[in-house]
PDB file of N, CA and C in Angstrom:
ATOM      1  N   MET A   1     -79.674-317.552  65.661  1.00  0.00           N
ATOM      2  CA  MET A   1     -79.184-315.613  65.337  1.00  0.00           C
ATOM      3  C   MET A   1     -79.121-314.780  66.178  1.00  0.00           C
ATOM      4  N   ALA A   2     -80.301-314.897  67.091  1.00  0.00           N
ATOM      5  CA  ALA A   2     -80.449-313.742  68.473  1.00  0.00           C
ATOM      6  C   ALA A   2     -79.054-313.597  69.138  1.00  0.00           C
ATOM      7  N   ARG A   3     -78.577-314.963  69.432  1.00  0.00           N
ATOM      8  CA  ARG A   3     -77.394-315.175  69.905  1.00  0.00           C
ATOM      9  C   ARG A   3     -76.223-314.590  69.605  1.00  0.00           C
ATOM     10  N   ARG A   4     -76.187-315.085  68.169  1.00  0.00           N
ATOM     11  CA  ARG A   4     -74.822-314.281  67.684  1.00  0.00           C
ATOM     12  C   ARG A   4     -74.693-312.855  67.574  1.00  0.00           C
ATOM     13  N   SER A   5     -76.126-312.458  67.419  1.00  0.00           N
ATOM     14  CA  SER A   5     -76.006-310.721  67.229  1.00  0.00           C
ATOM     15  C   SER A   5     -75.558-310.252  68.741  1.00  0.00           C
ATOM     16  N   LEU A   6     -76.217-310.877  69.972  1.00  0.00           N
ATOM     17  CA  LEU A   6     -75.690-310.653  71.255  1.00  0.00           C
ATOM     18  C   LEU A   6     -74.317-310.742  71.292  1.00  0.00           C
ATOM     19  N   LEU A   7     -73.609-311.328  70.427  1.00  0.00           N
ATOM     20  CA  LEU A   7     -71.985-311.744  70.891  1.00  0.00           C
ATOM     21  C   LEU A   7     -71.387-310.918  70.237  1.00  0.00           C
ATOM     22  N   LEU A   8     -71.702-310.495  68.950  1.00  0.00           N
ATOM     23  CA  LEU A   8     -70.896-309.794  67.975  1.00  0.00           C
ATOM     24  C   LEU A   8     -71.572-308.254  68.352  1.00  0.00           C
ATOM     25  N   PHE A   9     -72.328-307.598  69.061  1.00  0.00           N
ATOM     26  CA  PHE A   9     -72.940-306.243  69.709  1.00  0.00           C
ATOM     27  C   PHE A   9     -71.817-305.864  70.234  1.00  0.00           C
ATOM     28  N   PRO A  10     -71.156-306.312  71.688  1.00  0.00           N
ATOM     29  CA  PRO A  10     -70.185-306.101  72.327  1.00  0.00           C
ATOM     30  C   PRO A  10     -68.821-305.938  71.795  1.00  0.00           C
ATOM     31  N   LEU A  11     -68.468-306.779  71.088  1.00  0.00           N
ATOM     32  CA  LEU A  11     -67.390-306.628  70.299  1.00  0.00           C
ATOM     33  C   LEU A  11     -66.913-305.476  69.211  1.00  0.00           C
ATOM     34  N   THR A  12     -68.639-305.551  68.474  1.00  0.00           N
ATOM     35  CA  THR A  12     -68.439-304.108  67.970  1.00  0.00           C
ATOM     36  C   THR A  12     -68.556-302.495  68.521  1.00  0.00           C
ATOM     37  N   LEU A  13     -69.101-302.892  69.457  1.00  0.00           N
ATOM     38  CA  LEU A  13     -69.008-301.500  70.272  1.00  0.00           C
ATOM     39  C   LEU A  13     -67.470-300.836  70.875  1.00  0.00           C
ATOM     40  N   ALA A  14     -66.881-302.203  71.312  1.00  0.00           N
ATOM     41  CA  ALA A  14     -65.407-302.231  71.638  1.00  0.00           C
ATOM     42  C   ALA A  14     -64.611-301.801  70.443  1.00  0.00           C
ATOM     43  N   LEU A  15     -65.085-302.304  69.546  1.00  0.00           N
ATOM     44  CA  LEU A  15     -64.119-301.832  68.191  1.00  0.00           C
ATOM     45  C   LEU A  15     -64.470-300.151  67.663  1.00  0.00           C
ATOM     46  N   ILE A  16     -65.961-299.615  67.750  1.00  0.00           N
ATOM     47  CA  ILE A  16     -65.599-298.096  67.886  1.00  0.00           C
ATOM     48  C   ILE A  16     -64.979-297.335  68.960  1.00  0.00           C
ATOM     49  N   ILE A  17     -65.580-297.839  70.106  1.00  0.00           N
ATOM     50  CA  ILE A  17     -64.900-296.997  71.415  1.00  0.00           C
ATOM     51  C   ILE A  17     -63.257-297.253  71.192  1.00  0.00           C
ATOM     52  N   SER A  18     -62.595-298.211  70.509  1.00  0.00           N
ATOM     53  CA  SER A  18     -61.065-297.814  70.888  1.00  0.00           C
ATOM     54  C   SER A  18     -60.200-297.041  69.383  1.00  0.00           C
ATOM     55  N   ALA A  19     -61.541-297.039  68.298  1.00  0.00           N
ATOM     56  CA  ALA A  19     -61.226-296.434  66.966  1.00  0.00           C
ATOM     57  C   ALA A  19     -61.117-294.768  67.346  1.00  0.00           C
ATOM     58  N   GLY A  20     -62.146-294.255  68.360  1.00  0.00           N
ATOM     59  CA  GLY A  20     -62.268-293.388  68.468  1.00  0.00           C
ATOM     60  C   GLY A  20     -61.277-292.846  69.599  1.00  0.00           C
ATOM     61  N   CYS A  21     -60.539-293.955  70.518  1.00  0.00           N
ATOM     62  CA  CYS A  21     -59.496-293.383  71.422  1.00  0.00           C
ATOM     63  C   CYS A  21     -58.365-293.233  70.960  1.00  0.00           C
ATOM     64  N   SER A  22     -57.884-293.818  69.355  1.00  0.00           N
ATOM     65  CA  SER A  22     -56.568-294.086  68.814  1.00  0.00           C
ATOM     66  C   SER A  22     -56.261-292.157  68.435  1.00  0.00           C
ATOM     67  N   PRO A  23     -55.002-292.323  68.552  1.00  0.00           N
ATOM     68  CA  PRO A  23     -54.557-290.676  68.451  1.00  0.00           C
ATOM     69  C   PRO A  23     -54.633-290.416  67.357  1.00  0.00           C
ATOM     70  N   SER A  24     -54.873-289.272  66.925  1.00  0.00           N
ATOM     71  CA  SER A  24     -54.681-288.743  65.286  1.00  0.00           C
ATOM     72  C   SER A  24     -53.617-287.598  65.299  1.00  0.00           C
ATOM     73  N   PRO A  25     -53.432-287.396  64.323  1.00  0.00           N
ATOM     74  CA  PRO A  25     -52.035-286.465  63.993  1.00  0.00           C
ATOM     75  C   PRO A  25     -52.857-285.351  64.415  1.00  0.00           C
ATOM     76  N   SER A  26     -51.762-284.472  65.358  1.00  0.00           N
ATOM     77  CA  SER A  26     -51.957-283.184  65.414  1.00  0.00           C
ATOM     78  C   SER A  26     -52.343-282.293  64.301  1.00  0.00           C
ATOM     79  N   ASP A  27     -52.889-280.966  64.411  1.00  0.00           N
ATOM     80  CA  ASP A  27     -52.622-280.236  63.246  1.00  0.00           C
ATOM     81  C   ASP A  27     -51.649-279.398  62.600  1.00  0.00           C
ATOM     82  N   GLU A  28     -50.281-279.410  63.717  1.00  0.00           N
ATOM     83  CA  GLU A  28     -49.468-279.120  63.206  1.00  0.00           C
ATOM     84  C   GLU A  28     -48.443-280.257  62.590  1.00  0.00           C
ATOM     85  N   GLU A  29     -48.634-281.514  62.629  1.00  0.00           N
ATOM     86  CA  GLU A  29     -47.816-282.474  62.194  1.00  0.00           C
ATOM     87  C   GLU A  29     -49.097-282.587  60.711  1.00  0.00           C
ATOM     88  N   THR A  30     -50.378-282.363  60.483  1.00  0.00           N
ATOM     89  CA  THR A  30     -50.896-282.644  58.922  1.00  0.00           C
ATOM     90  C   THR A  30     -50.647-281.327  58.410  1.00  0.00           C
ATOM     91  N   MET A  31     -50.339-279.976  59.033  1.00  0.00           N
ATOM     92  CA  MET A  31     -50.141-279.061  58.213  1.00  0.00           C
ATOM     93  C   MET A  31     -48.162-278.759  57.847  1.00  0.00           C
ATOM     94  N   GLY A  32     -47.633-279.735  58.321  1.00  0.00           N
ATOM     95  CA  GLY A  32     -46.404-280.035  57.650  1.00  0.00           C
ATOM     96  C   GLY A  32     -45.349-279.166  58.940  1.00  0.00           C
ATOM     97  N   LEU A  33     -46.092-278.329  60.133  1.00  0.00           N
ATOM     98  CA  LEU A  33     -45.379-277.484  61.173  1.00  0.00           C
ATOM     99  C   LEU A  33     -44.645-278.210  62.164  1.00  0.00           C
ATOM    100  N   VAL A  34     -43.973-277.401  62.569  1.00  0.00           N
ATOM    101  CA  VAL A  34     -43.174-278.062  63.592  1.00  0.00           C
ATOM    102  C   VAL A  34     -43.802-277.920  65.117  1.00  0.00           C
ATOM    103  N   PRO A  35     -44.187-279.233  65.824  1.00  0.00           N
ATOM    104  CA  PRO A  35     -44.625-278.896  67.043  1.00  0.00           C
ATOM    105  C   PRO A  35     -44.346-277.845  67.950  1.00  0.00           C
ATOM    106  N   ASP A  36     -45.563-276.880  68.290  1.00  0.00           N
ATOM    107  CA  ASP A  36     -45.072-275.686  69.307  1.00  0.00           C
ATOM    108  C   ASP A  36     -44.143-275.970  70.384  1.00  0.00           C
ATOM    109  N   SER A  37     -44.294-276.882  70.976  1.00  0.00           N
ATOM    110  CA  SER A  37     -43.387-277.385  72.436  1.00  0.00           C
ATOM    111  C   SER A  37     -41.669-277.460  71.307  1.00  0.00           C
ATOM    112  N   ILE A  38     -41.326-278.329  70.351  1.00  0.00           N
ATOM    113  CA  ILE A  38     -40.080-278.083  69.546  1.00  0.00           C
ATOM    114  C   ILE A  38     -39.705-277.015  69.217  1.00  0.00           C
ATOM    115  N   MET A  39     -40.681-275.987  69.039  1.00  0.00           N
ATOM    116  CA  MET A  39     -40.200-274.572  68.644  1.00  0.00           C
ATOM    117  C   MET A  39     -39.752-274.012  69.645  1.00  0.00           C
ATOM    118  N   ALA A  40     -40.687-274.295  70.892  1.00  0.00           N
ATOM    119  CA  ALA A  40     -40.109-273.498  72.156  1.00  0.00           C
ATOM    120  C   ALA A  40     -38.702-274.237  72.274  1.00  0.00           C
ATOM    121  N   GLU A  41     -38.307-275.312  72.471  1.00  0.00           N
ATOM    122  CA  GLU A  41     -37.182-275.349  72.265  1.00  0.00           C
ATOM    123  C   GLU A  41     -35.936-275.588  71.625  1.00  0.00           C
ATOM    124  N   ILE A  42     -36.398-275.210  69.930  1.00  0.00           N
ATOM    125  CA  ILE A  42     -35.642-274.799  68.986  1.00  0.00           C
ATOM    126  C   ILE A  42     -35.254-272.677  69.624  1.00  0.00           C
ATOM    127  N   PHE A  43     -36.133-272.451  69.965  1.00  0.00           N
ATOM    128  CA  PHE A  43     -35.933-270.985  70.438  1.00  0.00           C
ATOM    129  C   PHE A  43     -35.216-270.558  71.630  1.00  0.00           C
ATOM    130  N   ILE A  44     -35.011-271.571  72.323  1.00  0.00           N
ATOM    131  CA  ILE A  44     -34.407-271.159  73.727  1.00  0.00           C
ATOM    132  C   ILE A  44     -32.781-272.150  72.714  1.00  0.00           C
ATOM    133  N   GLU A  45     -32.749-273.165  72.387  1.00  0.00           N
ATOM    134  CA  GLU A  45     -31.110-273.198  71.668  1.00  0.00           C
ATOM    135  C   GLU A  45     -30.714-271.996  71.238  1.00  0.00           C
ATOM    136  N   PHE A  46     -31.153-271.217  70.551  1.00  0.00           N
ATOM    137  CA  PHE A  46     -31.139-270.027  69.665  1.00  0.00           C
ATOM    138  C   PHE A  46     -30.876-268.773  70.583  1.00  0.00           C
ATOM    139  N   HIS A  47     -31.432-268.944  71.383  1.00  0.00           N
ATOM    140  CA  HIS A  47     -30.933-267.792  72.304  1.00  0.00           C
ATOM    141  C   HIS A  47     -29.498-267.955  72.881  1.00  0.00           C
ATOM    142  N   LEU A  48     -29.691-269.146  73.522  1.00  0.00           N
ATOM    143  CA  LEU A  48     -27.967-269.918  73.898  1.00  0.00           C
ATOM    144  C   LEU A  48     -26.786-269.931  72.675  1.00  0.00           C
ATOM    145  N   MET A  49     -27.418-269.830  71.858  1.00  0.00           N
ATOM    146  CA  MET A  49     -26.428-270.068  70.532  1.00  0.00           C
ATOM    147  C   MET A  49     -25.725-268.848  70.725  1.00  0.00           C
ATOM    148  N   GLU A  50     -26.761-267.649  70.196  1.00  0.00           N
ATOM    149  CA  GLU A  50     -26.384-266.397  69.953  1.00  0.00           C
ATOM    150  C   GLU A  50     -25.303-265.366  71.184  1.00  0.00           C
ATOM    151  N   ALA A  51     -25.847-266.070  72.498  1.00  0.00           N
ATOM    152  CA  ALA A  51     -25.184-265.272  73.549  1.00  0.00           C
ATOM    153  C   ALA A  51     -23.681-266.313  73.761  1.00  0.00           C
ATOM    154  N   ARG A  52     -23.473-267.513  73.153  1.00  0.00           N
ATOM    155  CA  ARG A  52     -22.144-267.767  73.088  1.00  0.00           C
ATOM    156  C   ARG A  52     -21.329-267.466  71.971  1.00  0.00           C
ATOM    157  N   SER A  53     -22.222-266.972  70.438  1.00  0.00           N
ATOM    158  CA  SER A  53     -21.305-266.690  69.418  1.00  0.00           C
ATOM    159  C   SER A  53     -20.939-264.962  69.752  1.00  0.00           C
ATOM    160  N   ASP A  54     -21.504-264.553  70.678  1.00  0.00           N
ATOM    161  CA  ASP A  54     -21.611-263.111  71.624  1.00  0.00           C
ATOM    162  C   ASP A  54     -19.901-263.212  72.321  1.00  0.00           C
ATOM    163  N   LEU A  55     -20.173-263.792  72.936  1.00  0.00           N
ATOM    164  CA  LEU A  55     -19.043-264.144  74.117  1.00  0.00           C
ATOM    165  C   LEU A  55     -17.809-264.903  73.016  1.00  0.00           C
ATOM    166  N   PHE A  56     -17.910-266.070  72.217  1.00  0.00           N
ATOM    167  CA  PHE A  56     -16.587-266.658  71.352  1.00  0.00           C
ATOM    168  C   PHE A  56     -16.572-266.192  70.138  1.00  0.00           C
ATOM    169  N   GLN A  57     -17.161-265.102  69.510  1.00  0.00           N
ATOM    170  CA  GLN A  57     -17.397-265.020  68.266  1.00  0.00           C
ATOM    171  C   GLN A  57     -16.934-266.075  67.391  1.00  0.00           C
ATOM    172  N   GLU A  58     -17.886-266.942  67.281  1.00  0.00           N
ATOM    173  CA  GLU A  58     -18.205-268.311  67.159  1.00  0.00           C
ATOM    174  C   GLU A  58     -19.675-268.046  66.070  1.00  0.00           C
ATOM    175  N   ASP A  59     -19.510-268.752  64.769  1.00  0.00           N
ATOM    176  CA  ASP A  59     -20.853-268.173  63.262  1.00  0.00           C
ATOM    177  C   ASP A  59     -22.230-269.058  63.646  1.00  0.00           C
ATOM    178  N   VAL A  60     -22.998-268.261  64.030  1.00  0.00           N
ATOM    179  CA  VAL A  60     -24.427-269.247  64.646  1.00  0.00           C
ATOM    180  C   VAL A  60     -24.863-270.021  63.573  1.00  0.00           C
ATOM    181  N   ILE A  61     -24.625-269.786  62.556  1.00  0.00           N
ATOM    182  CA  ILE A  61     -25.310-270.840  61.073  1.00  0.00           C
ATOM    183  C   ILE A  61     -24.653-271.986  61.429  1.00  0.00           C
ATOM    184  N   LEU A  62     -23.384-272.104  61.703  1.00  0.00           N
ATOM    185  CA  LEU A  62     -23.038-273.587  62.033  1.00  0.00           C
ATOM    186  C   LEU A  62     -24.254-274.394  62.780  1.00  0.00           C
ATOM    187  N   PHE A  63     -24.529-273.457  64.230  1.00  0.00           N
ATOM    188  CA  PHE A  63     -24.726-274.216  65.357  1.00  0.00           C
ATOM    189  C   PHE A  63     -26.401-274.540  64.636  1.00  0.00           C
ATOM    190  N   ARG A  64     -26.701-273.482  64.007  1.00  0.00           N
ATOM    191  CA  ARG A  64     -28.305-273.703  63.838  1.00  0.00           C
ATOM    192  C   ARG A  64     -28.894-274.807  62.839  1.00  0.00           C
ATOM    193  N   ASP A  65     -27.560-275.744  62.244  1.00  0.00           N
ATOM    194  CA  ASP A  65     -27.760-276.996  61.570  1.00  0.00           C
ATOM    195  C   ASP A  65     -28.148-277.813  62.479  1.00  0.00           C
ATOM    196  N   SER A  66     -26.891-277.858  63.431  1.00  0.00           N
ATOM    197  CA  SER A  66     -27.009-279.033  64.205  1.00  0.00           C
ATOM    198  C   SER A  66     -28.205-278.883  65.314  1.00  0.00           C
ATOM    199  N   VAL A  67     -28.841-277.855  65.618  1.00  0.00           N
ATOM    200  CA  VAL A  67     -29.927-277.743  66.358  1.00  0.00           C
ATOM    201  C   VAL A  67     -31.210-278.257  65.512  1.00  0.00           C
ATOM    202  N   PHE A  68     -31.525-277.968  64.417  1.00  0.00           N
ATOM    203  CA  PHE A  68     -32.161-278.614  63.234  1.00  0.00           C
ATOM    204  C   PHE A  68     -32.329-280.007  63.860  1.00  0.00           C
ATOM    205  N   ARG A  69     -30.839-280.692  63.253  1.00  0.00           N
ATOM    206  CA  ARG A  69     -30.374-282.132  63.383  1.00  0.00           C
ATOM    207  C   ARG A  69     -31.190-282.931  64.608  1.00  0.00           C
ATOM    208  N   HIS A  70     -30.410-282.239  65.940  1.00  0.00           N
ATOM    209  CA  HIS A  70     -31.418-282.658  66.904  1.00  0.00           C
ATOM    210  C   HIS A  70     -32.655-282.968  67.731  1.00  0.00           C
ATOM    211  N   TYR A  71     -33.291-281.598  66.870  1.00  0.00           N
ATOM    212  CA  TYR A  71     -35.008-282.240  67.093  1.00  0.00           C
ATOM    213  C   TYR A  71     -35.514-282.385  65.758  1.00  0.00           C
ATOM    214  N   ASP A  72     -34.607-282.984  64.874  1.00  0.00           N
ATOM    215  CA  ASP A  72     -35.116-284.023  63.547  1.00  0.00           C
ATOM    216  C   ASP A  72     -36.272-283.076  62.862  1.00  0.00           C
ATOM    217  N   VAL A  73     -35.842-281.506  62.663  1.00  0.00           N
ATOM    218  CA  VAL A  73     -36.381-280.614  62.146  1.00  0.00           C
ATOM    219  C   VAL A  73     -35.675-280.269  60.663  1.00  0.00           C
ATOM    220  N   ASP A  74     -36.611-280.183  59.663  1.00  0.00           N
ATOM    221  CA  ASP A  74     -35.986-279.755  58.686  1.00  0.00           C
ATOM    222  C   ASP A  74     -36.217-278.022  58.278  1.00  0.00           C
ATOM    223  N   THR A  75     -35.366-277.684  57.447  1.00  0.00           N
ATOM    224  CA  THR A  75     -35.333-276.115  57.543  1.00  0.00           C
ATOM    225  C   THR A  75     -36.419-275.608  56.927  1.00  0.00           C
ATOM    226  N   SER A  76     -37.059-276.652  55.944  1.00  0.00           N
ATOM    227  CA  SER A  76     -38.233-276.261  55.308  1.00  0.00           C
ATOM    228  C   SER A  76     -39.577-276.344  56.098  1.00  0.00           C
ATOM    229  N   ALA A  77     -39.464-277.202  57.223  1.00  0.00           N
ATOM    230  CA  ALA A  77     -40.611-276.953  57.963  1.00  0.00           C
ATOM    231  C   ALA A  77     -40.545-276.324  59.192  1.00  0.00           C
ATOM    232  N   TYR A  78     -39.297-275.606  59.735  1.00  0.00           N
ATOM    233  CA  TYR A  78     -38.657-274.220  60.357  1.00  0.00           C
ATOM    234  C   TYR A  78     -39.130-273.423  59.780  1.00  0.00           C
ATOM    235  N   GLU A  79     -39.046-272.826  58.411  1.00  0.00           N
ATOM    236  CA  GLU A  79     -39.352-272.132  57.282  1.00  0.00           C
ATOM    237  C   GLU A  79     -40.938-271.666  57.773  1.00  0.00           C
ATOM    238  N   LYS A  80     -41.784-272.829  57.485  1.00  0.00           N
ATOM    239  CA  LYS A  80     -43.058-272.974  56.807  1.00  0.00           C
ATOM    240  C   LYS A  80     -43.947-272.709  58.556  1.00  0.00           C
ATOM    241  N   THR A  81     -43.196-272.881  59.595  1.00  0.00           N
ATOM    242  CA  THR A  81     -43.792-272.870  61.109  1.00  0.00           C
ATOM    243  C   THR A  81     -43.478-271.246  61.234  1.00  0.00           C
ATOM    244  N   MET A  82     -42.010-270.377  61.166  1.00  0.00           N
ATOM    245  CA  MET A  82     -42.476-269.232  60.974  1.00  0.00           C
ATOM    246  C   MET A  82     -43.217-268.305  59.873  1.00  0.00           C
ATOM    247  N   GLN A  83     -43.733-269.117  59.277  1.00  0.00           N
ATOM    248  CA  GLN A  83     -44.718-268.347  58.522  1.00  0.00           C
ATOM    249  C   GLN A  83     -45.853-268.299  58.711  1.00  0.00           C
ATOM    250  N   TYR A  84     -46.333-269.549  59.576  1.00  0.00           N
ATOM    251  CA  TYR A  84     -47.410-269.482  60.326  1.00  0.00           C
ATOM    252  C   TYR A  84     -47.239-268.474  61.474  1.00  0.00           C
ATOM    253  N   TYR A  85     -46.405-268.744  61.959  1.00  0.00           N
ATOM    254  CA  TYR A  85     -46.419-267.708  63.359  1.00  0.00           C
ATOM    255  C   TYR A  85     -46.637-266.298  62.792  1.00  0.00           C
ATOM    256  N   SER A  86     -46.067-265.747  61.563  1.00  0.00           N
ATOM    257  CA  SER A  86     -45.945-264.526  61.294  1.00  0.00           C
ATOM    258  C   SER A  86     -47.691-264.193  60.696  1.00  0.00           C
ATOM    259  N   ASP A  87     -48.564-265.229  60.257  1.00  0.00           N
ATOM    260  CA  ASP A  87     -49.750-265.206  59.982  1.00  0.00           C
ATOM    261  C   ASP A  87     -50.356-265.311  61.522  1.00  0.00           C
ATOM    262  N   ASN A  88     -49.847-265.975  62.757  1.00  0.00           N
ATOM    263  CA  ASN A  88     -50.819-266.085  63.768  1.00  0.00           C
ATOM    264  C   ASN A  88     -49.307-265.478  64.989  1.00  0.00           C
ATOM    265  N   PRO A  89     -49.135-264.146  65.128  1.00  0.00           N
ATOM    266  CA  PRO A  89     -48.780-263.756  66.088  1.00  0.00           C
ATOM    267  C   PRO A  89     -49.125-264.117  67.488  1.00  0.00           C
ATOM    268  N   GLU A  90     -50.294-264.144  67.815  1.00  0.00           N
ATOM    269  CA  GLU A  90     -51.062-264.655  69.001  1.00  0.00           C
ATOM    270  C   GLU A  90     -50.211-266.175  69.484  1.00  0.00           C
ATOM    271  N   VAL A  91     -50.108-267.062  68.356  1.00  0.00           N
ATOM    272  CA  VAL A  91     -49.959-268.563  68.393  1.00  0.00           C
ATOM    273  C   VAL A  91     -47.908-268.085  68.817  1.00  0.00           C
ATOM    274  N   TYR A  92     -47.782-267.187  68.087  1.00  0.00           N
ATOM    275  CA  TYR A  92     -46.119-267.233  68.304  1.00  0.00           C
ATOM    276  C   TYR A  92     -45.505-266.461  69.448  1.00  0.00           C
ATOM    277  N   MET A  93     -46.574-265.476  69.872  1.00  0.00           N
ATOM    278  CA  MET A  93     -45.935-264.802  71.023  1.00  0.00           C
ATOM    279  C   MET A  93     -46.023-265.820  72.342  1.00  0.00           C
ATOM    280  N   GLU A  94     -47.306-266.463  72.886  1.00  0.00           N
ATOM    281  CA  GLU A  94     -47.044-267.788  73.210  1.00  0.00           C
ATOM    282  C   GLU A  94     -46.388-268.593  73.418  1.00  0.00           C
ATOM    283  N   VAL A  95     -45.815-269.159  72.357  1.00  0.00           N
ATOM    284  CA  VAL A  95     -44.740-270.335  72.147  1.00  0.00           C
ATOM    285  C   VAL A  95     -43.205-269.193  72.984  1.00  0.00           C
ATOM    286  N   TYR A  96     -43.035-268.203  71.992  1.00  0.00           N
ATOM    287  CA  TYR A  96     -41.612-267.567  72.226  1.00  0.00           C
ATOM    288  C   TYR A  96     -41.776-266.772  73.589  1.00  0.00           C
ATOM    289  N   SER A  97     -42.868-266.200  74.682  1.00  0.00           N
ATOM    290  CA  SER A  97     -43.016-265.886  76.047  1.00  0.00           C
ATOM    291  C   SER A  97     -42.460-267.131  76.837  1.00  0.00           C
ATOM    292  N   GLY A  98     -43.052-268.506  76.402  1.00  0.00           N
ATOM    293  CA  GLY A  98     -42.885-269.545  77.186  1.00  0.00           C
ATOM    294  C   GLY A  98     -41.569-269.962  77.159  1.00  0.00           C
ATOM    295  N   ALA A  99     -40.913-269.967  75.966  1.00  0.00           N
ATOM    296  CA  ALA A  99     -39.427-269.901  76.097  1.00  0.00           C
ATOM    297  C   ALA A  99     -38.589-269.163  76.674  1.00  0.00           C
ATOM    298  N   LEU A 100     -38.895-267.578  76.589  1.00  0.00           N
ATOM    299  CA  LEU A 100     -38.242-266.611  77.655  1.00  0.00           C
ATOM    300  C   LEU A 100     -38.451-266.919  78.874  1.00  0.00           C
ATOM    301  N   ASP A 101     -39.307-267.562  79.321  1.00  0.00           N
ATOM    302  CA  ASP A 101     -40.135-267.341  80.976  1.00  0.00           C
ATOM    303  C   ASP A 101     -38.749-269.215  81.069  1.00  0.00           C
ATOM    304  N   ARG A 102     -38.657-269.916  80.253  1.00  0.00           N
ATOM    305  CA  ARG A 102     -37.853-271.422  80.852  1.00  0.00           C
ATOM    306  C   ARG A 102     -36.803-270.494  80.987  1.00  0.00           C
ATOM    307  N   LEU A 103     -35.962-269.857  79.843  1.00  0.00           N
ATOM    308  CA  LEU A 103     -34.908-269.008  80.062  1.00  0.00           C
ATOM    309  C   LEU A 103     -34.645-268.544  81.276  1.00  0.00           C
ATOM    310  N   SER A 104     -35.300-267.564  81.454  1.00  0.00           N
ATOM    311  CA  SER A 104     -35.199-266.877  83.023  1.00  0.00           C
ATOM    312  C   SER A 104     -35.246-267.821  84.153  1.00  0.00           C
ATOM    313  N   ASP A 105     -36.324-268.733  83.776  1.00  0.00           N
ATOM    314  CA  ASP A 105     -35.858-269.769  85.235  1.00  0.00           C
ATOM    315  C   ASP A 105     -34.634-270.740  85.085  1.00  0.00           C
ATOM    316  N   GLU A 106     -33.991-270.734  84.129  1.00  0.00           N
ATOM    317  CA  GLU A 106     -32.970-271.451  84.206  1.00  0.00           C
ATOM    318  C   GLU A 106     -31.950-270.927  84.689  1.00  0.00           C
ATOM    319  N   ARG A 107     -32.057-269.384  84.360  1.00  0.00           N
ATOM    320  CA  ARG A 107     -30.921-268.043  84.931  1.00  0.00           C
ATOM    321  C   ARG A 107     -30.850-267.927  86.381  1.00  0.00           C
ATOM    322  N   TYR A 108     -31.997-267.774  86.610  1.00  0.00           N
ATOM    323  CA  TYR A 108     -31.841-267.633  88.532  1.00  0.00           C
ATOM    324  C   TYR A 108     -32.515-268.835  88.948  1.00  0.00           C
ATOM    325  N   ARG A 109     -31.506-270.246  88.391  1.00  0.00           N
ATOM    326  CA  ARG A 109     -31.317-271.354  89.563  1.00  0.00           C
ATOM    327  C   ARG A 109     -30.685-271.668  90.196  1.00  0.00           C
TER     328      ARG A 109
END
């Protein structure tokens, strides 16, 4: 019996450790929000779309839907994330300024 306990202990310990290491969904995902990294990409795309529409007088709304499809984001998740940002402006500023920094870096390459 003692020998069987000694064999079960390492297996139990391994299961506990592996369960603790398994990835859990991010807070953003559990709240139904778009992850900040994806939102930064969307902000960049929107800035580029706006510049293009200014140059070629194109309709931005049509391009907006294609950006959402590209990043597999639905409009309700986007709107919910923007509401979260309006309630948490420091998070928004961090994400948005990161997107602007990336645009600036691309511009001066």
